[in-house]
Amino acid sequence: MKRTAQDILNFVEDNDVKFAKLTFCDIFGNQKNLSLFASELPRAFEQGICFDGASIAGFLNVEESDLVLRPDPDTATVLPWRPAEGRVIRMYCDITLPDGRPFEGNCRGYLQSVVKRAKARGLTCNVGCECEFYLFETDEHGEPTHTPLDRGSYFDIPPLDKGENLRREICFAIEEMGLHPEHSHHESGPGQNEVCFLYADAQRSADNLNTFKSTVKAIAARNGLFASFMPKPLADKPGSGLHVNVSLLRDGKNLFDGFTADSEAGHFVAGVLAHARELTAFCNPVPNSYARLGANEAPLYISWSRQNRSQLVRLPSAVGDLCRVELRAPDPAGNPYLVIGLILAAGLDGIDRNLPLPDAVNRNLFHPDAAQGLESLPRTLREAITVAAQSEFISRELPTALQSKYFAYQSQLCHDFEAAPDPAAWENQNTFLIL
């Protein structure tokens, strides 16, 4: 049962809560928040909290800058790394214009609209995200370095794996915040880790991903480390992916259980493949994203298969409720609400148009020449922007103002990166230290 504003106000009064962090994303996926005294929460729930939208990248112009945060009480959770006395809670917010009309830059609202469309077709969408990250040491001033925490590799144990205790701390923290951790392990790169948590409905999964990323950052910092979600922080090591898993239910039945190419699930996969190039500017939104694609087991070519991890899309070996499709190209730099929303919209478009699913490609695409004849994802962010900006699908899906600001910002990223005298130094300042 969803929690109401009154439920949260009662909790605040009974549990010595002093502050509430009202949290949201800009259109590029960067998390923002303001801290509110708990005594102001009744007003926040009733009227919202006004803020300067012109100061948030991609939102509004100075001459029309007022926006309103509307906290979602069902997302309230205590921040477990803050003191028990004078607790701090966090809630995700939707954003409206002052007169209550939806704000087009509210990407959480866009995802909600896609979920409503799915429900109108009798479909429930569950989404699970597998998000990899690196842990780096900090210097004597507490500033991040590029020295990984350890030299471990895939599934290593201590002492090669030095992140075991920190992963355990992350699992305990996200569990207290309402996520359901399933397993954790050292990933392939030195200092690279993964913590997997249970799937949820689409909106909650996007919220959970933001919770996970902010929790990893906070706990790493508390332990004197720096956590990076940069797609490719070390040039010669594996990149960090955001694998997005989707299952569809109709009348409680998972449509990916007993998957066939001519089923609704097959048409959904066909839609994702058909729009894969158009999605790339959102799923891989920074110049560094393209250093990851096609390297160290990150996919580059548009194809699907069962179990084969070299494919863009695969159907993992699973039964019952765990049957799903996995999209392996996205990385953690994206806006979770846009990434999940556009993937679902692409799949729904495939169902609506009965798109035929291409034949499975049962080859190891990491071998030279194995991908001959297959179309690739964009090779650079500039190419990805061009593809997305010319897409009828993206034009239908996203508000014109959001598209304009998003593509203008990304084009400026490309220009600055390409013009930088030292691209590595530019990436360090504009990607590594931010993501």
Protein backbone atom coordinates (compact mmCIF):
# COMPACT_ATOMS: atom_id res chain seq x y z
CA MET A 1 0.00 0.00 0.00
CA LYS A 2 1.32 3.42 -0.94
CA ARG A 3 2.24 5.75 1.89
CA THR A 4 0.44 9.07 2.11
CA ALA A 5 1.64 12.49 3.17
CA GLN A 6 -0.01 11.98 6.54
CA ASP A 7 1.86 8.69 6.98
CA ILE A 8 5.14 10.55 6.51
CA LEU A 9 4.16 13.39 8.83
CA ASN A 10 3.30 10.85 11.52
CA PHE A 11 6.66 9.12 11.00
CA VAL A 12 8.51 12.42 11.22
CA GLU A 13 6.85 13.28 14.52
CA ASP A 14 7.45 9.84 16.05
CA ASN A 15 11.06 9.34 14.91
CA ASP A 16 12.92 12.58 15.62
CA VAL A 17 13.23 13.56 11.95
CA LYS A 18 14.66 17.08 11.63
CA PHE A 19 15.36 17.44 7.90
CA ALA A 20 13.90 16.22 4.62
CA LYS A 21 15.95 16.16 1.43
CA LEU A 22 13.73 16.83 -1.58
CA THR A 23 15.54 15.16 -4.46
CA PHE A 24 15.13 15.27 -8.25
CA CYS A 25 17.15 14.93 -11.46
CA ASP A 26 17.95 17.46 -14.11
CA ILE A 27 17.29 16.27 -17.66
CA PHE A 28 20.83 14.87 -17.90
CA GLY A 29 20.40 12.63 -14.86
CA ASN A 30 22.41 14.66 -12.33
CA GLN A 31 20.79 14.39 -8.91
CA LYS A 32 19.89 17.63 -7.13
CA ASN A 33 18.26 18.33 -3.78
CA LEU A 34 17.35 20.90 -1.18
CA SER A 35 17.16 20.30 2.56
CA LEU A 36 13.92 21.27 4.23
CA PHE A 37 13.25 21.62 7.94
CA ALA A 38 10.78 18.91 8.94
CA SER A 39 8.39 21.57 10.22
CA GLU A 40 7.97 22.75 6.60
CA LEU A 41 6.81 19.37 5.31
CA PRO A 42 3.05 20.04 5.64
CA ARG A 43 3.47 23.04 3.33
CA ALA A 44 5.64 21.02 0.95
CA PHE A 45 2.99 18.32 0.62
CA GLU A 46 0.14 20.79 0.24
CA GLN A 47 1.66 23.51 -1.92
CA GLY A 48 5.04 22.25 -3.10
CA ILE A 49 8.33 24.10 -2.74
CA CYS A 50 9.22 26.77 -5.29
CA PHE A 51 12.78 26.94 -6.67
CA ASP A 52 14.80 28.65 -9.38
CA GLY A 53 14.56 26.43 -12.47
CA ALA A 54 16.87 28.72 -14.45
CA SER A 55 19.77 27.62 -12.24
CA ILE A 56 19.32 23.95 -13.21
CA ALA A 57 20.99 22.92 -16.49
CA GLY A 58 18.42 22.20 -19.19
CA PHE A 59 15.38 23.49 -17.29
CA LEU A 60 14.12 27.06 -17.85
CA ASN A 61 15.26 30.49 -18.94
CA VAL A 62 15.73 33.36 -16.45
CA GLU A 63 12.56 35.10 -17.65
CA GLU A 64 10.41 32.06 -16.75
CA SER A 65 12.39 30.51 -13.95
CA ASP A 66 9.91 29.48 -11.23
CA LEU A 67 9.31 25.75 -10.77
CA VAL A 68 7.74 23.74 -7.95
CA LEU A 69 8.95 20.54 -6.28
CA ARG A 70 6.16 18.10 -5.36
CA PRO A 71 7.50 15.43 -2.98
CA ASP A 72 6.27 11.87 -3.47
CA PRO A 73 5.57 10.54 0.05
CA ASP A 74 5.79 6.93 -1.11
CA THR A 75 9.51 7.41 -1.79
CA ALA A 76 10.37 8.63 1.72
CA THR A 77 13.25 6.85 3.40
CA VAL A 78 15.65 7.55 6.25
CA LEU A 79 19.26 8.14 5.20
CA PRO A 80 21.01 5.47 7.29
CA TRP A 81 24.46 7.08 7.17
CA ARG A 82 23.17 10.25 8.87
CA PRO A 83 22.92 10.56 12.70
CA ALA A 84 20.14 8.69 14.47
CA GLU A 85 19.40 11.81 16.50
CA GLY A 86 17.89 14.47 14.29
CA ARG A 87 17.25 12.02 11.47
CA VAL A 88 17.23 12.98 7.81
CA ILE A 89 14.73 11.54 5.33
CA ARG A 90 14.82 11.76 1.56
CA MET A 91 11.94 11.92 -0.92
CA TYR A 92 11.96 12.02 -4.71
CA CYS A 93 9.98 14.81 -6.29
CA ASP A 94 8.01 15.53 -9.40
CA ILE A 95 8.26 19.03 -10.85
CA THR A 96 5.42 21.27 -11.99
CA LEU A 97 4.94 24.82 -13.18
CA PRO A 98 3.61 27.26 -10.54
CA ASP A 99 0.03 26.85 -11.80
CA GLY A 100 0.22 23.08 -11.31
CA ARG A 101 0.65 22.12 -14.95
CA PRO A 102 3.27 19.42 -15.64
CA PHE A 103 6.78 20.65 -16.39
CA GLU A 104 8.16 19.20 -19.63
CA GLY A 105 11.61 18.75 -18.09
CA ASN A 106 10.22 16.44 -15.40
CA CYS A 107 11.69 13.21 -16.78
CA ARG A 108 10.19 11.22 -13.90
CA GLY A 109 6.82 12.37 -15.25
CA TYR A 110 7.79 11.14 -18.73
CA LEU A 111 8.45 7.66 -17.36
CA GLN A 112 5.09 7.77 -15.56
CA SER A 113 3.38 8.54 -18.88
CA VAL A 114 5.00 5.52 -20.56
CA VAL A 115 3.91 3.27 -17.68
CA LYS A 116 0.34 4.56 -18.09
CA ARG A 117 0.44 3.71 -21.79
CA ALA A 118 1.58 0.19 -20.98
CA LYS A 119 -1.21 -0.20 -18.42
CA ALA A 120 -3.74 0.97 -21.02
CA ARG A 121 -2.61 -2.02 -23.09
CA GLY A 122 -3.03 -4.33 -20.09
CA LEU A 123 0.72 -4.59 -19.51
CA THR A 124 2.76 -4.27 -16.34
CA CYS A 125 6.46 -3.50 -16.83
CA ASN A 126 9.01 -4.70 -14.29
CA VAL A 127 12.58 -3.43 -14.58
CA GLY A 128 15.83 -4.48 -12.94
CA CYS A 129 19.10 -2.56 -13.28
CA GLU A 130 22.60 -4.00 -12.85
CA CYS A 131 24.95 -1.08 -12.26
CA GLU A 132 28.74 -1.42 -12.16
CA PHE A 133 31.09 1.09 -10.55
CA TYR A 134 34.75 1.63 -9.66
CA LEU A 135 36.30 2.46 -6.29
CA PHE A 136 39.35 4.73 -6.30
CA GLU A 137 41.70 5.90 -3.58
CA THR A 138 41.79 9.55 -2.53
CA ASP A 139 44.85 11.70 -1.88
CA GLU A 140 45.96 13.40 1.34
CA HIS A 141 43.45 16.22 0.66
CA GLY A 142 40.56 13.80 0.15
CA GLU A 143 40.52 14.43 -3.60
CA PRO A 144 39.91 11.50 -6.01
CA THR A 145 42.85 9.83 -7.69
CA HIS A 146 42.89 7.39 -10.59
CA THR A 147 44.40 4.66 -8.42
CA PRO A 148 41.94 1.76 -8.08
CA LEU A 149 41.21 0.41 -4.61
CA ASP A 150 42.64 -3.01 -5.54
CA ARG A 151 43.99 -5.18 -8.34
CA GLY A 152 41.24 -7.76 -8.19
CA SER A 153 39.30 -9.19 -11.13
CA TYR A 154 36.02 -11.00 -11.71
CA PHE A 155 34.67 -12.78 -8.61
CA ASP A 156 38.00 -12.50 -6.77
CA ILE A 157 38.13 -12.87 -2.99
CA PRO A 158 40.22 -11.04 -0.37
CA PRO A 159 43.00 -10.04 -0.26
CA LEU A 160 42.80 -9.37 -4.01
CA ASP A 161 39.30 -8.01 -3.45
CA LYS A 162 39.52 -5.07 -1.06
CA GLY A 163 35.94 -3.90 -1.56
CA GLU A 164 34.13 -6.73 0.22
CA ASN A 165 33.39 -4.83 3.44
CA LEU A 166 32.30 -1.71 1.59
CA ARG A 167 29.92 -3.72 -0.62
CA ARG A 168 28.46 -5.27 2.52
CA GLU A 169 27.95 -1.80 3.99
CA ILE A 170 26.24 -0.71 0.76
CA CYS A 171 23.94 -3.75 0.88
CA PHE A 172 22.92 -3.03 4.48
CA ALA A 173 22.27 0.64 3.67
CA ILE A 174 20.14 0.09 0.56
CA GLU A 175 18.20 -2.62 2.38
CA GLU A 176 17.33 -0.09 5.11
CA MET A 177 16.19 2.27 2.33
CA GLY A 178 13.71 -0.20 0.86
CA LEU A 179 15.76 -1.91 -1.85
CA HIS A 180 16.28 -5.65 -1.82
CA PRO A 181 19.95 -6.55 -2.41
CA GLU A 182 20.40 -9.98 -4.00
CA HIS A 183 24.16 -10.42 -4.42
CA SER A 184 27.40 -8.48 -4.77
CA HIS A 185 30.84 -9.26 -6.16
CA HIS A 186 34.09 -7.90 -7.52
CA GLU A 187 33.79 -7.12 -11.22
CA SER A 188 36.38 -7.63 -13.97
CA GLY A 189 38.34 -4.38 -13.59
CA PRO A 190 40.69 -3.44 -10.73
CA GLY A 191 38.59 -1.74 -8.07
CA GLN A 192 35.41 -2.48 -10.06
CA ASN A 193 32.32 -3.74 -8.22
CA GLU A 194 28.70 -4.68 -8.70
CA VAL A 195 25.80 -4.89 -6.25
CA CYS A 196 22.58 -6.34 -7.66
CA PHE A 197 19.17 -5.59 -6.19
CA LEU A 198 15.71 -6.96 -6.96
CA TYR A 199 13.65 -5.69 -9.88
CA ALA A 200 10.61 -3.44 -9.29
CA ASP A 201 8.00 -1.60 -11.29
CA ALA A 202 9.51 0.82 -13.79
CA GLN A 203 9.23 4.05 -11.82
CA ARG A 204 10.41 2.52 -8.56
CA SER A 205 13.32 0.91 -10.40
CA ALA A 206 14.46 4.31 -11.72
CA ASP A 207 14.10 5.80 -8.23
CA ASN A 208 15.99 2.81 -6.81
CA LEU A 209 18.85 3.30 -9.25
CA ASN A 210 19.24 6.91 -8.11
CA THR A 211 19.12 5.72 -4.49
CA PHE A 212 21.78 3.13 -5.21
CA LYS A 213 24.15 5.57 -6.91
CA SER A 214 23.87 8.21 -4.20
CA THR A 215 24.30 5.57 -1.49
CA VAL A 216 27.43 4.13 -3.11
CA LYS A 217 28.90 7.63 -3.38
CA ALA A 218 28.10 8.49 0.24
CA ILE A 219 29.42 5.26 1.74
CA ALA A 220 32.58 5.32 -0.38
CA ALA A 221 33.28 8.89 0.79
CA ARG A 222 32.66 7.89 4.40
CA ASN A 223 35.36 5.25 3.96
CA GLY A 224 37.85 7.68 2.42
CA LEU A 225 37.27 6.44 -1.14
CA PHE A 226 35.80 7.81 -4.36
CA ALA A 227 33.13 5.89 -6.26
CA SER A 228 32.97 6.53 -10.00
CA PHE A 229 30.10 5.70 -12.34
CA MET A 230 32.05 6.99 -15.35
CA PRO A 231 31.47 4.57 -18.27
CA LYS A 232 35.20 4.01 -18.94
CA PRO A 233 37.34 5.50 -16.15
CA LEU A 234 40.45 3.45 -17.02
CA ALA A 235 41.36 3.39 -20.70
CA ASP A 236 42.74 -0.16 -20.81
CA LYS A 237 40.28 -1.78 -18.38
CA PRO A 238 36.62 -2.87 -18.58
CA GLY A 239 33.99 -0.15 -18.63
CA SER A 240 31.03 0.11 -16.26
CA GLY A 241 27.68 -0.82 -17.72
CA LEU A 242 24.07 -0.35 -16.70
CA HIS A 243 22.35 -3.51 -17.86
CA VAL A 244 18.58 -2.94 -18.04
CA ASN A 245 16.36 -6.01 -17.62
CA VAL A 246 12.67 -5.83 -18.56
CA SER A 247 9.82 -8.27 -18.06
CA LEU A 248 6.22 -7.79 -19.19
CA LEU A 249 3.18 -9.16 -17.41
CA ARG A 250 -0.36 -9.50 -18.69
CA ASP A 251 -2.95 -10.77 -16.19
CA GLY A 252 -0.09 -11.86 -13.95
CA LYS A 253 1.64 -13.95 -16.64
CA ASN A 254 5.21 -13.11 -17.61
CA LEU A 255 5.20 -12.79 -21.41
CA PHE A 256 8.90 -13.69 -21.61
CA ASP A 257 8.20 -17.11 -20.07
CA GLY A 258 8.05 -19.38 -23.12
CA PHE A 259 9.39 -16.63 -25.41
CA THR A 260 8.74 -16.93 -29.15
CA ALA A 261 9.69 -14.53 -31.93
CA ASP A 262 6.08 -13.92 -33.02
CA SER A 263 4.74 -13.21 -29.52
CA GLU A 264 4.12 -9.83 -27.88
CA ALA A 265 7.43 -10.25 -26.09
CA GLY A 266 9.09 -10.90 -29.46
CA HIS A 267 7.60 -7.73 -30.93
CA PHE A 268 8.76 -5.82 -27.83
CA VAL A 269 12.36 -6.97 -28.40
CA ALA A 270 12.03 -6.10 -32.09
CA GLY A 271 11.00 -2.56 -31.11
CA VAL A 272 14.02 -2.14 -28.85
CA LEU A 273 16.33 -3.34 -31.64
CA ALA A 274 14.62 -1.14 -34.25
CA HIS A 275 15.17 1.99 -32.15
CA ALA A 276 18.52 1.04 -30.61
CA ARG A 277 20.54 3.62 -32.55
CA GLU A 278 18.05 6.38 -31.66
CA LEU A 279 18.22 5.48 -27.96
CA THR A 280 22.00 5.67 -27.79
CA ALA A 281 22.25 9.43 -27.17
CA PHE A 282 20.22 8.87 -23.99
CA CYS A 283 21.62 5.49 -22.91
CA ASN A 284 25.24 6.56 -23.57
CA PRO A 285 25.17 10.34 -23.07
CA VAL A 286 28.80 11.47 -22.65
CA PRO A 287 31.84 11.31 -24.98
CA ASN A 288 33.48 8.76 -22.68
CA SER A 289 30.55 6.37 -23.23
CA TYR A 290 31.92 5.56 -26.67
CA ALA A 291 35.27 4.41 -25.31
CA ARG A 292 33.33 1.61 -23.59
CA LEU A 293 31.09 0.39 -26.43
CA GLY A 294 32.70 -2.41 -28.41
CA ALA A 295 35.50 -2.96 -25.88
CA ASN A 296 35.99 -5.38 -22.98
CA GLU A 297 32.68 -7.21 -23.51
CA ALA A 298 30.51 -4.11 -23.99
CA PRO A 299 28.27 -4.58 -27.07
CA LEU A 300 28.46 -2.49 -30.22
CA TYR A 301 26.32 -4.27 -32.81
CA ILE A 302 22.53 -4.41 -33.06
CA SER A 303 21.55 -8.03 -32.58
CA TRP A 304 20.01 -10.41 -30.10
CA SER A 305 20.47 -13.94 -28.88
CA ARG A 306 19.75 -16.21 -25.95
CA GLN A 307 22.33 -16.14 -23.14
CA ASN A 308 25.08 -14.77 -25.45
CA ARG A 309 26.74 -11.86 -23.61
CA SER A 310 28.33 -10.40 -26.73
CA GLN A 311 24.93 -9.26 -28.02
CA LEU A 312 23.23 -5.91 -27.54
CA VAL A 313 20.08 -7.72 -26.41
CA ARG A 314 19.96 -11.13 -24.81
CA LEU A 315 17.44 -13.40 -23.14
CA PRO A 316 19.11 -14.71 -19.97
CA SER A 317 18.61 -18.29 -18.90
CA ALA A 318 15.77 -18.03 -16.38
CA VAL A 319 12.38 -19.49 -15.52
CA GLY A 320 9.04 -18.11 -14.35
CA ASP A 321 8.99 -14.57 -12.99
CA LEU A 322 12.72 -14.14 -13.73
CA CYS A 323 12.29 -14.52 -17.50
CA ARG A 324 13.24 -11.21 -19.10
CA VAL A 325 15.08 -9.35 -21.84
CA GLU A 326 18.38 -7.64 -21.05
CA LEU A 327 19.71 -4.57 -22.86
CA ARG A 328 23.49 -4.42 -22.32
CA ALA A 329 24.55 -1.16 -24.02
CA PRO A 330 23.43 1.52 -21.52
CA ASP A 331 25.89 2.95 -19.02
CA PRO A 332 25.46 4.65 -15.61
CA ALA A 333 25.86 8.18 -17.00
CA GLY A 334 22.28 8.29 -18.31
CA ASN A 335 19.14 9.77 -16.77
CA PRO A 336 17.37 6.65 -15.37
CA TYR A 337 13.91 8.02 -16.11
CA LEU A 338 14.72 8.72 -19.76
CA VAL A 339 16.71 5.50 -20.23
CA ILE A 340 14.01 3.23 -18.81
CA GLY A 341 11.15 5.25 -20.28
CA LEU A 342 12.56 5.26 -23.82
CA ILE A 343 13.45 1.55 -23.72
CA LEU A 344 9.89 0.71 -22.68
CA ALA A 345 8.45 3.09 -25.28
CA ALA A 346 10.57 1.48 -28.01
CA GLY A 347 9.33 -1.96 -27.00
CA LEU A 348 5.70 -0.81 -26.89
CA ASP A 349 6.14 0.64 -30.38
CA GLY A 350 7.31 -2.78 -31.52
CA ILE A 351 4.16 -4.36 -30.06
CA ASP A 352 1.86 -1.71 -31.56
CA ARG A 353 3.34 -2.18 -35.03
CA ASN A 354 3.85 -5.97 -34.78
CA LEU A 355 7.48 -5.49 -35.75
CA PRO A 356 9.12 -8.75 -36.85
CA LEU A 357 12.02 -9.95 -34.72
CA PRO A 358 15.21 -10.54 -36.76
CA ASP A 359 16.89 -13.91 -36.55
CA ALA A 360 19.04 -14.47 -33.48
CA VAL A 361 22.78 -14.03 -33.99
CA ASN A 362 24.51 -16.95 -32.30
CA ARG A 363 28.08 -15.79 -32.75
CA ASN A 364 30.68 -14.31 -30.42
CA LEU A 365 30.70 -10.73 -31.66
CA PHE A 366 33.87 -9.96 -29.71
CA HIS A 367 35.84 -11.96 -32.28
CA PRO A 368 37.18 -10.10 -35.32
CA ASP A 369 34.89 -10.26 -38.39
CA ALA A 370 32.12 -12.02 -36.42
CA ALA A 371 29.86 -8.95 -36.71
CA GLN A 372 30.10 -8.73 -40.49
CA GLY A 373 26.79 -7.59 -41.97
CA LEU A 374 25.39 -6.23 -38.67
CA GLU A 375 24.50 -2.60 -38.11
CA SER A 376 26.38 -0.93 -35.27
CA LEU A 377 25.40 1.54 -32.62
CA PRO A 378 26.74 5.09 -33.14
CA ARG A 379 30.51 5.22 -32.70
CA THR A 380 30.63 8.72 -31.14
CA LEU A 381 28.34 10.97 -29.15
CA ARG A 382 28.17 13.38 -32.07
CA GLU A 383 26.87 10.60 -34.33
CA ALA A 384 24.39 9.52 -31.64
CA ILE A 385 23.02 13.07 -31.32
CA THR A 386 22.55 13.30 -35.09
CA VAL A 387 20.67 10.00 -35.19
CA ALA A 388 18.41 10.91 -32.25
CA ALA A 389 17.73 14.45 -33.49
CA GLN A 390 16.53 13.05 -36.84
CA SER A 391 14.39 10.34 -35.24
CA GLU A 392 10.61 10.45 -35.71
CA PHE A 393 10.31 8.13 -32.71
CA ILE A 394 12.23 10.47 -30.37
CA SER A 395 10.34 13.46 -31.79
CA ARG A 396 7.03 11.79 -30.87
CA GLU A 397 8.18 10.66 -27.45
CA LEU A 398 9.85 13.69 -25.89
CA PRO A 399 8.72 17.32 -25.60
CA THR A 400 10.33 19.62 -28.15
CA ALA A 401 11.83 21.91 -25.50
CA LEU A 402 13.43 18.97 -23.68
CA GLN A 403 14.91 17.63 -26.91
CA SER A 404 16.28 21.03 -27.87
CA LYS A 405 18.00 21.61 -24.53
CA TYR A 406 19.26 18.03 -24.30
CA PHE A 407 20.82 17.97 -27.77
CA ALA A 408 22.26 21.49 -27.41
CA TYR A 409 23.97 20.51 -24.16
CA GLN A 410 25.35 17.30 -25.65
CA SER A 411 26.56 19.11 -28.77
CA GLN A 412 28.44 21.52 -26.52
CA LEU A 413 29.96 18.53 -24.70
CA CYS A 414 31.18 17.18 -28.03
CA HIS A 415 32.63 20.53 -29.06
CA ASP A 416 34.44 21.03 -25.76
CA PHE A 417 35.81 17.49 -25.74
CA GLU A 418 36.99 17.65 -29.35
CA ALA A 419 38.57 21.09 -28.84
CA ALA A 420 40.31 20.21 -25.56
CA PRO A 421 44.13 20.39 -25.80
CA ASP A 422 44.24 17.46 -23.36
CA PRO A 423 41.11 15.26 -23.78
CA ALA A 424 42.05 13.09 -20.77
CA ALA A 425 42.28 16.16 -18.52
CA TRP A 426 38.95 17.43 -19.88
CA GLU A 427 37.30 14.06 -19.14
CA ASN A 428 38.76 14.04 -15.65
CA GLN A 429 37.26 17.43 -14.86
CA ASN A 430 33.94 17.07 -16.68
CA THR A 431 33.12 13.37 -16.38
CA PHE A 432 35.24 11.48 -13.85
CA LEU A 433 34.74 13.95 -10.99
CA ILE A 434 31.02 14.38 -11.73
CA LEU A 435 29.60 10.94 -12.48
